[in-house]
Structures are given as structure tokens and as C-alpha cells.
Amino acid sequence: MLPKDSRMLKENEYHPLQLKVFFIMITLYTFYFTCNNNLGVATDEIQKSFDLNNAQFGVLFTIFTLGFGAGQFFSGYLGDRYSPKMLMFIGAVGATAANTAFALSSSMAAFCICWAVNALSLAMGWSPGCSILFRWIPKKRWGLFMGFFDAFAFLGGIIIYPVAGFAISYFSWRAAFLIPALLLLIWTVVFLIYVKDSPQQYGFEVEWEDESSNEKVTIKDYADVMRNKLIILVSLSTICSQFVRWGLVNWIIKILTTPEESGGFGMVLFLATIIASAMHWGGAFFSILLGHISDTVFKGSRYQTITAGFVISGVSLLAIYFFGHFLMDMDGGVFFTAAMLFLAGGCIQGVQAPLFNLPGDILGTRLGGTGVGIVNGWSYIGASFAGITLGFVMDSFGLTSCIMLMALISLAGAGIILFVKR
């Protein structure tokens, strides 16, 4: 650890301020996620209150993924061109307002408007956050620190599942939106005070090669990134990851709590939230593990860990589909189900740490945030079909049929990333 009075950030040692800025930034993104994953927990209560079927309610999930994806396209570019810190701040304020308004709404039209605003606001977090990471952390450590960034995102899911489940059980579904909005607002103030875009704004120099420059990112740069063949392949693989990830986040509580005679697992809501949080614990664990392995074992090569994560997730989902109800009938079946979700949800979320390092590896620091935004934008446009598609599949073929579809898509993601080999 470097002394506090050192003004040089080194490649193999960490400065206290460097770590403080990074962890304040990723903690803000944790609270970003509490303002998104709360909808999945509140799904059943809202459906009952307003008589909405799965396909109708799935529109909200689709609105979010479309809005979040569209927002990604401009957030990475604007963050690289102007200030990633200000993009994250504006997004946090917007998400706070949108969740509060959603809690006070009582019609599907209002829900749709609020959730669209929430999606666009939360889109201002990930890509600008990656830009801050690329500027504050040396490239040889990107895998590990991206793993921590990704893990803290999933920590938001870990927090909100039991918190929202408790709030709904003892208050109402509206509390599941007001509580995370308050938490996000409080941490936004901390972020605004302590975080800066780059070490240079704090008066530091960096020992490692700084690939960024004072040259403004232009529309031509943006177009070049959009046409980059490797970025297109990374985007396709990330679409598979996001489709499965949001399919699980949005629908797993519904599947776990639906009575067995209707095709679900028949759990009470609070137990289901605890079980479902296993996939976010897994996401946090595998994000750090896969990111660290890509840095150390594979020396900055990412595709090996991405392939392994996709395959483990797909196989685990197939195990839930074929043996889920059998496991639940066994002694300790709840723990087996939680373990399968830990692997399935954990690995599909964990692959995103090495996946989102790839734009920085391919494009460098100057355009890394732009590349992350484009990859994430396409991934969410593709994943937007998860809400309505999986809702339709469940209504037509039974609840667990969507698990088979997600397993196949996960395995497809593994096949696509083999063409990147970076």
C-alpha cells in the first residue's frame, strides 16, 4: 500500500485514495441495482392488485431492458466525451425520482412511464463506471477490479431481495420502491463529494501507460467502434448472458412461489427471496473469481473463463429443469435448489466481468467506455425480448419451460465467444 502523501499511482501498489474512489463508485452502483431488482420481488403482489397476467406484466420488464439498452448507447459515449462522474450522478437522481413515482402510481400506463425513466436513468451507471475504472486502475488489474465492480452490482440484488420481501410482507409492495430510492439518494451525496473522473483531477500522476488522451471522442470514433467486428461478436455473446440473467432476475420469484399444482415450486415469498438471492451471491463470487483468473491464469485473455461460465450456467439450468421438483421432494431440497441457482445465476452473471473487460482490451482506455456502452446497449436490446418472450413461453408451455430456453441460450453464448479468443 502506498503512503497517503504519495502523488504517484503505481502499477503494482495501491494508494488509499485510489481504492476509496473505486469502492465509493461501485457501492453507488450497488444502490443503482436495488432500484431495479425490486420489481421482480414485487411482481406477484402488483399482478394481484391490478389483475395483470404474465404477458401483460412482462411489458414492464421489456420496457426496462429496451430503455436500459438504449441508454447504454449514449451513456458510454457521453461519459468518455464529457464526465463519467456527472453521468452517474444524473442517473442516480433520475432513478430515485422514478422509483418514488412508481411507488405512488396506480395504473399500468404510469408504471410504464416511471419504469422507462428508471431504465434510462440507471443506464448512466455501468459504462461511465467502467470509464472511471479504466482511468484509475492499471490495465493488468482490470479483470480483478471489474470482477469487484460486477460483484457489487449483484450485491444490490442480494440486498434488495430480502429487504423488498420483508417490506412487502409487513407493509405493501409500494415500500419495495421507496426504501431503495432513499438508500440510493443517501449514497449519491457521498459519491458526489469524493469521486473524480481521473487521478489527474486529484493531482496524481500514474506510473502505468495512460492510453487516454485529451483528444475528444468524436462521432467518427463512435461509428468505428460500432463497426468493429470483435465488438459485434462480444455484443452477441453478451446478449445471451443478459437474456438469461434478466430472465432469472425477473421471473425466478414467480416460478418459486407459484403452487406446485400450477407448475411452480410452492415456496412462501420470504423463503423464495432468500433462495433467489443465491444467484446474486453466486454472481458476486464468480465475477471476482473469473475476473481474477483471466488476469492471472490466462494473463489478460478472457474467452476461456467466459466459455466456462456459460457452460456451467447452462448445465445448472438444465439440472433445475429436469430435476428441480425431484430435488424439492428430498430432505434438504431447498439447499440443493439454492446451490443450482448459485451456479446457474452466478456464472451467467459472473461472465460479465471478463466480457466487459474485452472492449477496454480491444479499444484501449480512451474508447473503452464507449465500447462498453455499445456492447451493453446491444445486449439489453436483445435481452429486452426476455420479458415478453419468457412470459409468453410460461403462459403457453408451463412455468419451467422458460428454464430450458435459458439453458440453450447460455450454451449459445459459449459458442459465440470462441470466435473472439481475446
Protein backbone atom coordinates (compact mmCIF):
# COMPACT_ATOMS: atom_id res chain seq x y z
CA MET A 1 0.00 0.00 0.00
CA LEU A 2 1.37 3.40 -0.99
CA PRO A 3 1.63 6.16 1.67
CA LYS A 4 -1.18 8.74 1.67
CA ASP A 5 1.19 11.60 0.77
CA SER A 6 2.42 9.86 -2.40
CA ARG A 7 1.29 11.66 -5.58
CA MET A 8 2.17 8.81 -7.96
CA LEU A 9 -0.13 5.84 -8.55
CA LYS A 10 1.96 2.73 -9.20
CA GLU A 11 1.18 -0.36 -11.24
CA ASN A 12 1.86 -2.91 -8.50
CA GLU A 13 0.79 -0.99 -5.39
CA TYR A 14 -2.46 0.69 -4.40
CA HIS A 15 -2.99 4.17 -2.97
CA PRO A 16 -5.69 4.60 -0.26
CA LEU A 17 -7.45 7.31 -2.29
CA GLN A 18 -7.42 5.13 -5.40
CA LEU A 19 -9.24 2.37 -3.54
CA LYS A 20 -11.61 4.80 -1.81
CA VAL A 21 -12.72 6.36 -5.10
CA PHE A 22 -13.19 2.96 -6.70
CA PHE A 23 -15.20 1.44 -3.85
CA ILE A 24 -17.41 4.52 -3.41
CA MET A 25 -18.17 4.36 -7.14
CA ILE A 26 -19.05 0.66 -7.18
CA THR A 27 -21.12 1.00 -3.99
CA LEU A 28 -23.21 3.62 -5.78
CA TYR A 29 -23.83 1.04 -8.48
CA THR A 30 -24.92 -1.41 -5.79
CA PHE A 31 -27.69 1.01 -4.86
CA TYR A 32 -28.46 1.52 -8.55
CA PHE A 33 -29.32 -2.17 -8.65
CA THR A 34 -31.62 -2.04 -5.63
CA CYS A 35 -33.76 0.34 -7.71
CA ASN A 36 -34.16 -2.27 -10.44
CA ASN A 37 -34.29 -5.75 -8.92
CA ASN A 38 -37.12 -4.65 -6.62
CA LEU A 39 -39.65 -5.03 -9.44
CA GLY A 40 -39.04 -8.79 -9.69
CA VAL A 41 -39.75 -9.21 -5.97
CA ALA A 42 -42.95 -7.16 -6.16
CA THR A 43 -44.23 -8.83 -9.35
CA ASP A 44 -46.83 -11.16 -7.83
CA GLU A 45 -48.30 -8.55 -5.47
CA ILE A 46 -48.65 -5.96 -8.24
CA GLN A 47 -50.19 -8.54 -10.58
CA LYS A 48 -52.77 -9.46 -7.96
CA SER A 49 -53.53 -5.82 -7.14
CA PHE A 50 -54.12 -4.82 -10.77
CA ASP A 51 -55.20 -8.16 -12.32
CA LEU A 52 -52.28 -8.45 -14.76
CA ASN A 53 -51.24 -11.72 -16.40
CA ASN A 54 -47.60 -12.70 -17.04
CA ALA A 55 -47.50 -11.42 -20.63
CA GLN A 56 -49.03 -8.07 -19.62
CA PHE A 57 -46.67 -7.60 -16.71
CA GLY A 58 -43.75 -8.72 -18.86
CA VAL A 59 -44.17 -5.46 -20.78
CA LEU A 60 -42.57 -3.66 -17.81
CA PHE A 61 -39.53 -5.91 -17.97
CA THR A 62 -39.28 -5.34 -21.71
CA ILE A 63 -39.60 -1.57 -21.28
CA PHE A 64 -36.77 -1.65 -18.79
CA THR A 65 -34.39 -3.68 -20.92
CA LEU A 66 -35.17 -1.61 -24.04
CA GLY A 67 -34.76 1.67 -22.18
CA PHE A 68 -31.65 0.49 -20.36
CA GLY A 69 -30.14 -0.75 -23.61
CA ALA A 70 -30.96 2.46 -25.49
CA GLY A 71 -29.45 4.48 -22.66
CA GLN A 72 -26.23 2.46 -22.79
CA PHE A 73 -25.56 3.59 -26.35
CA PHE A 74 -25.22 7.22 -25.35
CA SER A 75 -24.02 6.90 -21.72
CA GLY A 76 -20.65 5.33 -22.57
CA TYR A 77 -20.01 7.86 -25.35
CA LEU A 78 -21.05 10.87 -23.26
CA GLY A 79 -19.04 9.61 -20.30
CA ASP A 80 -15.89 9.33 -22.41
CA ARG A 81 -16.53 12.70 -24.11
CA TYR A 82 -17.51 14.72 -21.04
CA SER A 83 -17.60 13.39 -17.44
CA PRO A 84 -18.41 9.82 -16.33
CA LYS A 85 -18.90 11.08 -12.76
CA MET A 86 -21.65 13.52 -13.77
CA LEU A 87 -23.39 10.86 -15.87
CA MET A 88 -23.52 8.54 -12.83
CA PHE A 89 -24.78 11.39 -10.61
CA ILE A 90 -27.57 12.37 -13.02
CA GLY A 91 -28.59 8.72 -13.36
CA ALA A 92 -28.81 8.26 -9.59
CA VAL A 93 -31.05 11.30 -9.17
CA GLY A 94 -33.30 10.14 -12.02
CA ALA A 95 -33.63 6.61 -10.62
CA THR A 96 -34.51 7.97 -7.17
CA ALA A 97 -37.30 10.08 -8.67
CA ALA A 98 -38.58 7.25 -10.90
CA ASN A 99 -38.81 4.68 -8.08
CA THR A 100 -40.59 7.16 -5.84
CA ALA A 101 -43.09 7.96 -8.60
CA PHE A 102 -43.63 4.24 -9.31
CA ALA A 103 -44.47 3.65 -5.64
CA LEU A 104 -47.11 6.37 -5.79
CA SER A 105 -48.67 5.15 -9.07
CA SER A 106 -51.78 3.02 -9.57
CA SER A 107 -52.13 2.37 -13.30
CA MET A 108 -50.24 0.36 -15.89
CA ALA A 109 -49.66 3.47 -18.01
CA ALA A 110 -48.00 5.24 -15.08
CA PHE A 111 -45.96 2.15 -14.26
CA CYS A 112 -44.66 2.03 -17.83
CA ILE A 113 -43.65 5.70 -17.85
CA CYS A 114 -41.91 5.51 -14.48
CA TRP A 115 -40.06 2.32 -15.37
CA ALA A 116 -38.92 3.76 -18.71
CA VAL A 117 -37.47 6.80 -16.89
CA ASN A 118 -35.87 4.44 -14.36
CA ALA A 119 -34.28 2.42 -17.17
CA LEU A 120 -32.78 5.45 -18.90
CA SER A 121 -31.50 6.78 -15.57
CA LEU A 122 -29.89 3.51 -14.45
CA ALA A 123 -28.25 3.19 -17.89
CA MET A 124 -25.97 6.05 -16.82
CA GLY A 125 -24.17 3.84 -14.30
CA TRP A 126 -22.33 0.92 -15.85
CA SER A 127 -20.46 2.36 -18.84
CA PRO A 128 -19.36 5.59 -17.09
CA GLY A 129 -18.37 3.45 -14.11
CA CYS A 130 -16.18 1.35 -16.41
CA SER A 131 -14.59 4.57 -17.71
CA ILE A 132 -13.70 5.53 -14.13
CA LEU A 133 -12.28 2.05 -13.54
CA PHE A 134 -10.18 2.16 -16.73
CA ARG A 135 -8.71 5.54 -15.66
CA TRP A 136 -8.00 4.76 -12.01
CA ILE A 137 -6.79 1.13 -12.27
CA PRO A 138 -3.78 -0.21 -14.25
CA LYS A 139 -4.72 -2.47 -17.16
CA LYS A 140 -3.05 -5.55 -15.66
CA ARG A 141 -5.59 -5.38 -12.79
CA TRP A 142 -8.71 -4.69 -14.86
CA GLY A 143 -10.02 -8.26 -14.59
CA LEU A 144 -9.95 -8.34 -10.79
CA PHE A 145 -11.39 -4.85 -10.34
CA MET A 146 -14.07 -5.41 -13.00
CA GLY A 147 -14.93 -8.50 -11.00
CA PHE A 148 -15.40 -6.39 -7.88
CA PHE A 149 -17.47 -3.86 -9.87
CA ASP A 150 -19.68 -6.63 -11.21
CA ALA A 151 -19.89 -8.25 -7.77
CA PHE A 152 -21.08 -5.04 -6.15
CA ALA A 153 -23.79 -4.80 -8.81
CA PHE A 154 -25.06 -8.21 -7.76
CA LEU A 155 -24.76 -7.19 -4.12
CA GLY A 156 -27.67 -4.88 -4.91
CA GLY A 157 -29.74 -7.95 -5.77
CA ILE A 158 -28.59 -9.70 -2.62
CA ILE A 159 -29.68 -6.74 -0.51
CA ILE A 160 -32.97 -5.95 -2.18
CA TYR A 161 -34.42 -9.47 -2.31
CA PRO A 162 -34.85 -9.95 1.46
CA VAL A 163 -35.40 -6.21 2.10
CA ALA A 164 -38.16 -5.95 -0.51
CA GLY A 165 -39.63 -9.29 0.57
CA PHE A 166 -39.80 -8.07 4.17
CA ALA A 167 -41.24 -4.69 3.10
CA ILE A 168 -43.97 -6.35 1.02
CA SER A 169 -44.83 -8.86 3.73
CA TYR A 170 -45.15 -6.29 6.53
CA PHE A 171 -46.06 -3.07 4.69
CA SER A 172 -47.02 -3.13 0.99
CA TRP A 173 -45.46 -3.54 -2.43
CA ARG A 174 -45.01 0.24 -2.57
CA ALA A 175 -42.41 0.12 0.22
CA ALA A 176 -40.25 -2.07 -2.04
CA PHE A 177 -39.69 1.01 -4.22
CA LEU A 178 -39.49 3.75 -1.60
CA ILE A 179 -36.78 2.11 0.54
CA PRO A 180 -34.20 1.58 -2.25
CA ALA A 181 -34.86 5.10 -3.58
CA LEU A 182 -33.90 6.52 -0.17
CA LEU A 183 -30.75 4.36 0.05
CA LEU A 184 -29.64 5.44 -3.43
CA LEU A 185 -30.18 9.12 -2.65
CA ILE A 186 -28.08 8.98 0.51
CA TRP A 187 -25.10 7.33 -1.21
CA THR A 188 -25.34 9.70 -4.19
CA VAL A 189 -24.32 12.53 -1.87
CA VAL A 190 -21.22 10.57 -0.75
CA PHE A 191 -20.34 9.82 -4.38
CA LEU A 192 -20.68 13.47 -5.42
CA ILE A 193 -18.29 14.60 -2.67
CA TYR A 194 -15.45 12.08 -3.05
CA VAL A 195 -15.30 10.70 -6.62
CA LYS A 196 -13.49 12.38 -9.52
CA ASP A 197 -13.19 11.27 -13.15
CA SER A 198 -9.44 10.58 -13.10
CA PRO A 199 -6.38 10.57 -10.81
CA GLN A 200 -5.13 13.70 -12.55
CA GLN A 201 -8.15 15.66 -11.25
CA TYR A 202 -6.92 14.84 -7.74
CA GLY A 203 -3.38 15.96 -8.67
CA PHE A 204 -1.91 12.48 -9.18
CA GLU A 205 0.30 11.05 -11.90
CA VAL A 206 0.14 7.40 -12.97
CA GLU A 207 3.10 5.06 -13.38
CA TRP A 208 1.43 2.83 -15.95
CA GLU A 209 0.95 3.71 -19.60
CA ASP A 210 -2.01 6.07 -19.86
CA GLU A 211 -3.81 5.22 -23.10
CA SER A 212 -6.30 8.04 -22.67
CA SER A 213 -5.68 11.44 -24.22
CA ASN A 214 -7.08 14.94 -24.15
CA GLU A 215 -8.47 14.41 -27.64
CA LYS A 216 -12.26 14.48 -27.57
CA VAL A 217 -14.11 11.32 -28.52
CA THR A 218 -15.97 12.04 -31.75
CA ILE A 219 -18.92 10.66 -33.66
CA LYS A 220 -16.43 9.11 -36.11
CA ASP A 221 -14.80 7.24 -33.21
CA TYR A 222 -18.24 6.06 -32.15
CA ALA A 223 -19.05 4.82 -35.67
CA ASP A 224 -15.72 2.97 -35.88
CA VAL A 225 -16.45 1.17 -32.62
CA MET A 226 -19.94 0.23 -33.84
CA ARG A 227 -18.40 -1.40 -36.94
CA ASN A 228 -15.64 -3.26 -35.10
CA LYS A 229 -16.14 -6.98 -35.82
CA LEU A 230 -14.81 -8.14 -32.46
CA ILE A 231 -17.11 -5.72 -30.63
CA ILE A 232 -20.06 -7.14 -32.61
CA LEU A 233 -19.17 -10.70 -31.54
CA VAL A 234 -18.72 -9.62 -27.91
CA SER A 235 -22.13 -7.94 -28.14
CA LEU A 236 -23.80 -11.12 -29.40
CA SER A 237 -22.31 -13.18 -26.60
CA THR A 238 -23.32 -10.57 -24.04
CA ILE A 239 -26.89 -10.64 -25.41
CA CYS A 240 -27.01 -14.31 -24.40
CA SER A 241 -25.71 -13.50 -20.93
CA GLN A 242 -28.15 -10.64 -20.36
CA PHE A 243 -31.15 -12.58 -21.70
CA VAL A 244 -30.59 -15.40 -19.22
CA ARG A 245 -29.60 -13.08 -16.40
CA TRP A 246 -32.71 -10.90 -16.65
CA GLY A 247 -34.91 -13.88 -17.33
CA LEU A 248 -33.85 -15.26 -13.94
CA VAL A 249 -34.00 -11.90 -12.14
CA ASN A 250 -37.46 -11.10 -13.49
CA TRP A 251 -39.19 -14.47 -13.23
CA ILE A 252 -37.48 -16.72 -10.69
CA ILE A 253 -39.51 -15.42 -7.72
CA LYS A 254 -42.70 -16.07 -9.69
CA ILE A 255 -41.56 -19.63 -10.50
CA LEU A 256 -40.52 -20.39 -6.93
CA THR A 257 -43.70 -19.04 -5.27
CA THR A 258 -46.31 -20.44 -7.69
CA PRO A 259 -48.08 -23.52 -6.21
CA GLU A 260 -46.79 -26.90 -7.38
CA GLU A 261 -50.13 -27.78 -8.95
CA SER A 262 -49.66 -24.76 -11.23
CA GLY A 263 -46.14 -25.77 -12.22
CA GLY A 264 -44.12 -23.81 -9.66
CA PHE A 265 -42.22 -24.83 -6.53
CA GLY A 266 -44.77 -23.70 -3.94
CA MET A 267 -42.48 -21.63 -1.68
CA VAL A 268 -43.59 -18.79 0.57
CA LEU A 269 -42.39 -15.39 -0.64
CA PHE A 270 -39.77 -14.71 2.03
CA LEU A 271 -38.13 -18.15 1.57
CA ALA A 272 -38.19 -17.66 -2.21
CA THR A 273 -36.37 -14.34 -1.90
CA ILE A 274 -33.66 -15.96 0.23
CA ILE A 275 -33.27 -18.84 -2.27
CA ALA A 276 -33.24 -16.48 -5.26
CA SER A 277 -30.59 -14.28 -3.64
CA ALA A 278 -28.22 -17.27 -4.01
CA MET A 279 -27.80 -16.41 -7.69
CA HIS A 280 -26.65 -12.90 -6.73
CA TRP A 281 -24.23 -14.29 -4.14
CA GLY A 282 -23.00 -16.51 -6.96
CA GLY A 283 -22.78 -13.52 -9.29
CA ALA A 284 -20.63 -11.66 -6.77
CA PHE A 285 -18.39 -14.70 -6.18
CA PHE A 286 -17.93 -15.71 -9.81
CA SER A 287 -17.42 -12.12 -11.01
CA ILE A 288 -14.38 -11.77 -8.78
CA LEU A 289 -13.16 -15.33 -9.42
CA LEU A 290 -13.49 -15.26 -13.22
CA GLY A 291 -12.04 -11.76 -13.44
CA HIS A 292 -9.06 -12.72 -11.28
CA ILE A 293 -8.46 -15.95 -13.21
CA SER A 294 -8.48 -14.06 -16.53
CA ASP A 295 -5.82 -11.68 -15.14
CA THR A 296 -3.57 -14.28 -13.53
CA VAL A 297 -4.01 -17.74 -15.04
CA PHE A 298 -4.72 -16.57 -18.62
CA LYS A 299 -2.63 -13.33 -18.44
CA GLY A 300 -5.37 -10.99 -19.66
CA SER A 301 -7.03 -13.43 -22.08
CA ARG A 302 -10.76 -13.54 -21.32
CA TYR A 303 -12.52 -16.04 -23.58
CA GLN A 304 -11.58 -19.16 -21.57
CA THR A 305 -13.29 -18.01 -18.36
CA ILE A 306 -16.28 -16.67 -20.31
CA THR A 307 -16.80 -20.03 -22.05
CA ALA A 308 -16.55 -21.94 -18.77
CA GLY A 309 -19.07 -19.65 -17.07
CA PHE A 310 -21.64 -20.01 -19.87
CA VAL A 311 -21.34 -23.80 -19.88
CA ILE A 312 -21.67 -24.16 -16.09
CA SER A 313 -24.73 -21.92 -16.13
CA GLY A 314 -26.39 -23.82 -18.97
CA VAL A 315 -25.80 -27.23 -17.37
CA SER A 316 -27.10 -26.00 -14.00
CA LEU A 317 -30.28 -24.66 -15.59
CA LEU A 318 -30.83 -28.00 -17.31
CA ALA A 319 -30.45 -29.69 -13.90
CA ILE A 320 -33.14 -27.40 -12.44
CA TYR A 321 -35.45 -28.07 -15.39
CA PHE A 322 -35.14 -31.88 -15.29
CA PHE A 323 -34.64 -32.48 -11.56
CA GLY A 324 -35.92 -29.36 -9.78
CA HIS A 325 -39.18 -30.80 -8.44
CA PHE A 326 -37.45 -34.07 -7.56
CA LEU A 327 -34.85 -32.15 -5.56
CA MET A 328 -37.54 -30.23 -3.70
CA ASP A 329 -39.10 -33.51 -2.52
CA MET A 330 -35.81 -34.62 -0.95
CA ASP A 331 -34.58 -33.74 2.52
CA GLY A 332 -32.58 -30.55 2.14
CA GLY A 333 -34.07 -29.97 -1.31
CA VAL A 334 -34.22 -26.23 -0.68
CA PHE A 335 -30.45 -26.16 -0.28
CA PHE A 336 -29.92 -28.14 -3.50
CA THR A 337 -32.16 -25.69 -5.36
CA ALA A 338 -30.24 -22.76 -3.89
CA ALA A 339 -26.96 -24.40 -4.94
CA MET A 340 -28.17 -24.82 -8.53
CA LEU A 341 -29.26 -21.16 -8.65
CA PHE A 342 -25.90 -20.17 -7.16
CA LEU A 343 -24.18 -21.87 -10.11
CA ALA A 344 -26.69 -21.00 -12.84
CA GLY A 345 -27.33 -17.39 -11.91
CA GLY A 346 -23.84 -16.87 -10.50
CA CYS A 347 -21.96 -17.98 -13.59
CA ILE A 348 -24.24 -16.23 -16.10
CA GLN A 349 -23.70 -13.02 -14.16
CA GLY A 350 -20.05 -13.74 -13.43
CA VAL A 351 -19.08 -13.96 -17.12
CA GLN A 352 -19.87 -10.27 -17.41
CA ALA A 353 -16.67 -9.30 -15.58
CA PRO A 354 -14.39 -10.68 -18.32
CA LEU A 355 -16.94 -9.82 -21.04
CA PHE A 356 -16.91 -6.12 -20.17
CA ASN A 357 -13.12 -6.08 -19.96
CA LEU A 358 -12.99 -7.00 -23.63
CA PRO A 359 -13.96 -3.52 -25.00
CA GLY A 360 -11.12 -1.98 -22.96
CA ASP A 361 -8.73 -4.72 -24.13
CA ILE A 362 -9.74 -4.25 -27.77
CA LEU A 363 -10.13 -0.44 -27.89
CA GLY A 364 -7.93 0.93 -25.10
CA THR A 365 -8.71 3.40 -22.31
CA ARG A 366 -9.80 6.32 -24.50
CA LEU A 367 -12.66 4.43 -26.15
CA GLY A 368 -13.15 1.66 -23.58
CA GLY A 369 -16.23 3.25 -22.00
CA THR A 370 -17.74 3.86 -25.45
CA GLY A 371 -17.17 0.20 -26.32
CA VAL A 372 -18.70 -0.97 -23.05
CA GLY A 373 -21.76 1.20 -23.71
CA ILE A 374 -22.24 -0.17 -27.22
CA VAL A 375 -21.79 -3.79 -26.10
CA ASN A 376 -24.16 -3.30 -23.18
CA GLY A 377 -26.61 -1.40 -25.36
CA TRP A 378 -26.90 -4.21 -27.89
CA SER A 379 -27.03 -6.77 -25.11
CA TYR A 380 -30.01 -5.11 -23.48
CA ILE A 381 -31.81 -4.59 -26.77
CA GLY A 382 -31.50 -8.34 -27.27
CA ALA A 383 -32.36 -9.11 -23.67
CA SER A 384 -35.48 -6.93 -23.92
CA PHE A 385 -37.15 -9.92 -25.52
CA ALA A 386 -36.66 -11.89 -22.28
CA GLY A 387 -39.60 -10.22 -20.53
CA ILE A 388 -42.34 -10.81 -23.11
CA THR A 389 -40.81 -13.96 -24.67
CA LEU A 390 -40.39 -15.82 -21.39
CA GLY A 391 -43.78 -14.59 -20.17
CA PHE A 392 -45.37 -15.99 -23.36
CA VAL A 393 -43.44 -19.27 -23.07
CA MET A 394 -44.58 -19.72 -19.46
CA ASP A 395 -48.20 -18.95 -20.30
CA SER A 396 -48.13 -21.34 -23.28
CA PHE A 397 -45.94 -24.25 -22.14
CA GLY A 398 -45.71 -24.04 -18.35
CA LEU A 399 -43.58 -22.06 -15.92
CA THR A 400 -40.42 -24.17 -16.01
CA SER A 401 -40.29 -24.29 -19.82
CA CYS A 402 -38.54 -20.93 -19.75
CA ILE A 403 -35.67 -22.52 -17.81
CA MET A 404 -34.94 -24.88 -20.73
CA LEU A 405 -34.91 -21.95 -23.16
CA MET A 406 -32.49 -20.01 -20.95
CA ALA A 407 -30.19 -23.05 -20.71
CA LEU A 408 -29.94 -23.32 -24.50
CA ILE A 409 -29.26 -19.58 -24.87
CA SER A 410 -26.49 -19.82 -22.27
CA LEU A 411 -24.78 -22.59 -24.23
CA ALA A 412 -25.10 -20.49 -27.41
CA GLY A 413 -23.22 -17.67 -25.68
CA ALA A 414 -20.32 -20.04 -25.04
CA GLY A 415 -20.16 -20.95 -28.72
CA ILE A 416 -20.13 -17.33 -29.92
CA ILE A 417 -17.29 -16.15 -27.66
CA LEU A 418 -14.99 -18.86 -29.06
CA PHE A 419 -14.76 -16.74 -32.23
CA VAL A 420 -13.31 -13.82 -30.26
CA LYS A 421 -10.41 -15.55 -28.48
CA ARG A 422 -9.13 -12.42 -26.72
